[in-house]
Structure formats: C-alpha cells, structure tokens
N, C-alpha and C. Protein backbone atom coordinates (compact mmCIF):
# COMPACT_ATOMS: atom_id res chain seq x y z
N MET A 1 25.95 35.33 42.52
CA MET A 1 24.76 35.05 41.75
C MET A 1 24.82 33.61 41.34
N GLN A 2 23.74 32.83 41.38
CA GLN A 2 23.70 31.45 40.95
C GLN A 2 23.40 31.39 39.38
N VAL A 3 23.85 30.29 38.91
CA VAL A 3 23.67 29.96 37.42
C VAL A 3 22.17 29.66 37.30
N ILE A 4 21.54 30.30 36.28
CA ILE A 4 20.15 29.97 36.03
C ILE A 4 19.95 29.93 34.46
N SER A 5 18.99 29.13 33.99
CA SER A 5 18.60 29.08 32.60
C SER A 5 17.27 29.87 32.42
N LEU A 6 17.30 30.75 31.43
CA LEU A 6 16.06 31.44 31.13
C LEU A 6 15.70 31.22 29.64
N LEU A 7 14.36 31.06 29.40
CA LEU A 7 13.92 30.93 28.05
C LEU A 7 13.89 32.35 27.44
N ALA A 8 14.30 32.50 26.16
CA ALA A 8 14.21 33.71 25.43
C ALA A 8 14.07 33.45 23.94
N HIS A 9 13.80 34.55 23.23
CA HIS A 9 13.72 34.46 21.77
C HIS A 9 14.26 35.62 21.03
N PHE A 10 14.59 35.64 19.82
CA PHE A 10 15.09 36.71 19.14
C PHE A 10 13.94 37.29 18.32
N ASP A 11 13.63 38.53 18.51
CA ASP A 11 12.52 39.23 17.78
C ASP A 11 12.82 39.78 16.41
N GLY A 12 14.12 39.49 15.97
CA GLY A 12 14.47 40.13 14.77
C GLY A 12 15.46 41.31 14.96
N GLN A 13 15.40 41.81 16.16
CA GLN A 13 16.37 43.00 16.52
C GLN A 13 17.12 42.75 17.77
N SER A 14 16.49 42.08 18.77
CA SER A 14 17.13 41.95 19.98
C SER A 14 16.65 40.65 20.70
N ILE A 15 17.42 40.16 21.62
CA ILE A 15 17.08 38.97 22.37
C ILE A 15 16.04 39.47 23.43
N GLN A 16 15.00 38.72 23.58
CA GLN A 16 13.89 39.08 24.51
C GLN A 16 13.68 37.91 25.44
N LEU A 17 13.68 38.11 26.77
CA LEU A 17 13.37 37.05 27.67
C LEU A 17 11.89 36.72 27.61
N ASP A 18 11.56 35.46 27.72
CA ASP A 18 10.22 35.04 27.61
C ASP A 18 9.44 35.32 28.90
N GLN A 19 10.16 35.45 30.14
CA GLN A 19 9.48 35.80 31.29
C GLN A 19 10.45 36.90 32.01
N PRO A 20 9.80 37.82 32.72
CA PRO A 20 10.69 38.90 33.32
C PRO A 20 11.79 38.31 34.32
N TYR A 21 12.85 38.88 34.35
CA TYR A 21 13.90 38.47 35.21
C TYR A 21 14.83 39.66 35.41
N LYS A 22 15.11 40.06 36.66
CA LYS A 22 15.96 41.19 36.92
C LYS A 22 17.34 40.83 36.65
N LEU A 23 17.99 41.54 35.70
CA LEU A 23 19.46 41.43 35.47
C LEU A 23 20.10 42.71 35.77
N GLU A 24 21.16 42.57 36.45
CA GLU A 24 22.04 43.72 36.71
C GLU A 24 22.82 44.22 35.47
N PRO A 25 23.13 45.39 35.34
CA PRO A 25 23.98 45.87 34.18
C PRO A 25 25.18 45.10 34.14
N ASN A 26 25.65 44.81 32.89
CA ASN A 26 26.94 44.02 32.57
C ASN A 26 26.88 42.66 33.05
N THR A 27 25.74 42.03 33.39
CA THR A 27 25.69 40.64 33.77
C THR A 27 26.27 39.89 32.63
N LYS A 28 27.11 38.90 32.96
CA LYS A 28 27.61 38.02 31.88
C LYS A 28 26.57 36.93 31.54
N LEU A 29 26.39 36.62 30.24
CA LEU A 29 25.39 35.68 29.73
C LEU A 29 26.06 34.74 28.79
N ILE A 30 25.54 33.58 28.72
CA ILE A 30 25.88 32.65 27.57
C ILE A 30 24.53 32.42 26.73
N VAL A 31 24.65 32.60 25.48
CA VAL A 31 23.51 32.44 24.62
C VAL A 31 23.70 31.17 23.82
N THR A 32 22.69 30.29 23.90
CA THR A 32 22.74 29.02 23.18
C THR A 32 21.59 29.14 22.17
N ILE A 33 21.93 28.89 20.87
CA ILE A 33 20.95 28.87 19.80
C ILE A 33 20.48 27.45 19.58
N LEU A 34 19.16 27.34 19.72
CA LEU A 34 18.47 25.97 19.60
C LEU A 34 17.97 25.86 18.25
N PRO A 35 18.02 24.62 17.66
CA PRO A 35 17.45 24.43 16.26
C PRO A 35 15.98 24.47 16.45
N GLU A 36 15.25 24.89 15.38
CA GLU A 36 13.79 24.91 15.41
C GLU A 36 13.21 23.49 15.60
N GLN A 37 12.35 23.33 16.50
CA GLN A 37 11.76 22.00 16.77
C GLN A 37 10.47 21.86 16.07
N PRO A 38 10.30 20.70 15.44
CA PRO A 38 9.03 20.51 14.69
C PRO A 38 7.90 20.46 15.69
N SER A 39 6.70 20.87 15.20
CA SER A 39 5.47 20.77 16.12
C SER A 39 5.25 19.34 16.46
N GLU A 40 4.44 19.13 17.48
CA GLU A 40 4.18 17.79 17.98
C GLU A 40 3.61 16.98 16.85
N ARG A 41 2.65 17.64 16.14
CA ARG A 41 1.90 17.01 14.99
C ARG A 41 2.91 16.52 13.93
N GLU A 42 3.87 17.35 13.55
CA GLU A 42 4.88 17.10 12.61
C GLU A 42 5.70 15.93 13.02
N ALA A 43 6.07 15.96 14.33
CA ALA A 43 6.92 14.81 14.89
C ALA A 43 6.19 13.52 14.85
N TRP A 44 4.93 13.51 15.14
CA TRP A 44 4.17 12.15 15.00
C TRP A 44 4.04 11.85 13.58
N LEU A 45 3.86 12.71 12.70
CA LEU A 45 3.74 12.38 11.20
C LEU A 45 5.09 11.85 10.76
N CYS A 46 6.14 12.44 11.12
CA CYS A 46 7.42 11.86 10.76
C CYS A 46 7.63 10.40 11.28
N LEU A 47 7.40 10.22 12.57
CA LEU A 47 7.53 8.94 13.14
C LEU A 47 6.60 7.87 12.46
N SER A 48 5.35 8.29 12.18
CA SER A 48 4.42 7.39 11.50
C SER A 48 4.90 7.07 10.08
N ARG A 49 5.44 7.96 9.31
CA ARG A 49 5.96 7.79 8.00
C ARG A 49 7.18 6.80 8.03
N HIS A 50 8.06 7.02 8.99
CA HIS A 50 9.16 6.17 9.19
C HIS A 50 8.79 4.78 9.50
N GLN A 51 7.88 4.49 10.42
CA GLN A 51 7.36 3.19 10.84
C GLN A 51 6.58 2.56 9.62
N LEU A 52 5.89 3.25 8.86
CA LEU A 52 5.17 2.67 7.72
C LEU A 52 6.20 2.22 6.58
N ASN A 53 7.28 3.06 6.44
CA ASN A 53 8.28 2.71 5.49
C ASN A 53 8.97 1.38 5.91
N ASN A 54 9.24 1.20 7.21
CA ASN A 54 9.77 0.01 7.71
C ASN A 54 8.86 -1.18 7.56
N ALA A 55 7.52 -0.96 7.76
CA ALA A 55 6.61 -2.06 7.67
C ALA A 55 6.28 -2.54 6.26
N TYR A 56 6.38 -1.65 5.38
CA TYR A 56 5.99 -1.90 3.95
C TYR A 56 7.13 -1.63 3.11
N SER A 57 8.32 -2.29 3.23
CA SER A 57 9.42 -2.04 2.43
C SER A 57 9.23 -2.55 1.09
N GLN A 58 9.93 -2.02 -0.05
CA GLN A 58 9.87 -2.40 -1.42
C GLN A 58 10.64 -3.70 -1.51
N ASP A 59 11.45 -4.07 -0.55
CA ASP A 59 12.23 -5.30 -0.67
C ASP A 59 11.49 -6.56 -0.21
N ASP A 60 10.32 -6.34 0.34
CA ASP A 60 9.62 -7.54 0.86
C ASP A 60 9.17 -8.39 -0.35
N GLU A 61 9.37 -9.62 -0.28
CA GLU A 61 8.99 -10.59 -1.19
C GLU A 61 8.29 -11.83 -0.60
N TYR A 62 7.05 -11.98 -0.96
CA TYR A 62 6.24 -13.03 -0.35
C TYR A 62 5.88 -13.98 -1.51
N SER A 63 5.94 -15.28 -1.26
CA SER A 63 5.56 -16.30 -2.18
C SER A 63 4.09 -16.48 -2.19
N LEU A 64 3.51 -16.97 -3.21
CA LEU A 64 2.07 -17.25 -3.25
C LEU A 64 1.71 -18.35 -2.28
N ASP A 65 2.60 -19.10 -1.76
CA ASP A 65 2.30 -20.11 -0.67
C ASP A 65 1.97 -19.44 0.69
N ALA A 66 2.40 -18.24 0.80
CA ALA A 66 2.19 -17.56 2.13
C ALA A 66 0.73 -17.00 2.20
N ILE A 67 -0.07 -17.02 1.13
CA ILE A 67 -1.37 -16.54 1.09
C ILE A 67 -2.28 -17.56 1.65
N LYS A 68 -3.06 -17.19 2.75
CA LYS A 68 -3.96 -18.10 3.38
C LYS A 68 -5.33 -18.18 2.63
N THR A 69 -5.80 -17.03 2.24
CA THR A 69 -7.13 -17.00 1.53
C THR A 69 -6.81 -16.30 0.18
N THR A 70 -7.18 -16.82 -0.89
CA THR A 70 -6.86 -16.29 -2.22
C THR A 70 -7.99 -15.22 -2.51
N ASN A 71 -7.59 -14.27 -3.31
CA ASN A 71 -8.50 -13.28 -3.86
C ASN A 71 -8.95 -13.76 -5.20
N PRO A 72 -10.23 -14.03 -5.32
CA PRO A 72 -10.71 -14.41 -6.72
C PRO A 72 -10.61 -13.39 -7.76
N ASP A 73 -10.40 -12.16 -7.47
CA ASP A 73 -10.27 -11.11 -8.43
C ASP A 73 -8.85 -10.91 -8.89
N TYR A 74 -7.89 -11.56 -8.25
CA TYR A 74 -6.44 -11.34 -8.55
C TYR A 74 -6.14 -12.45 -9.61
N LEU A 75 -5.55 -11.91 -10.72
CA LEU A 75 -5.17 -12.79 -11.77
C LEU A 75 -3.57 -12.98 -11.76
N VAL A 76 -3.19 -14.27 -11.77
CA VAL A 76 -1.81 -14.41 -11.84
C VAL A 76 -1.44 -14.84 -13.29
N ASN A 77 -0.39 -14.14 -13.75
CA ASN A 77 -0.02 -14.32 -15.23
C ASN A 77 1.05 -15.46 -15.33
C-alpha cells in the first residue's frame, strides 16, 4: 500500500475522514493534529493591523519643518 494523506476531523467522539476511503482492518495510521487556522478574513485583518502599526508607530517624530502645507486650525503652544 502506498503512503497517502487524507483530510479528517474529530467530531468529539471519533476521527472521521472528510472523504470516503477504503481502509483495511488494522491499517497503521499516523494522526497529525493541526492548529486551528484563522479564517481568511481574520488573517487579512491581522496582516492589516500589523502593517498599520508599522506605518503609524508611536515612536515617529516629525518636526514642524516637515510640514508642506500648514493647517490654519492647528494651534502650536
């Protein structure tokens, strides 16, 4: 028998194959537990949050000389 990978899940009581596959009795198996993967939306949100944190760091310090157009509503004390 050749080595093959099959998708499966644990239903709370037993391991269930996600697609039918004929297994002979006493077939040796290796079970790998995979960590829960975030949804695609959660992964994009995490990436966006990380990139925004990089772009707008609290450590950024800009002098007033860097301003090209001043805001007349901004008061400098």
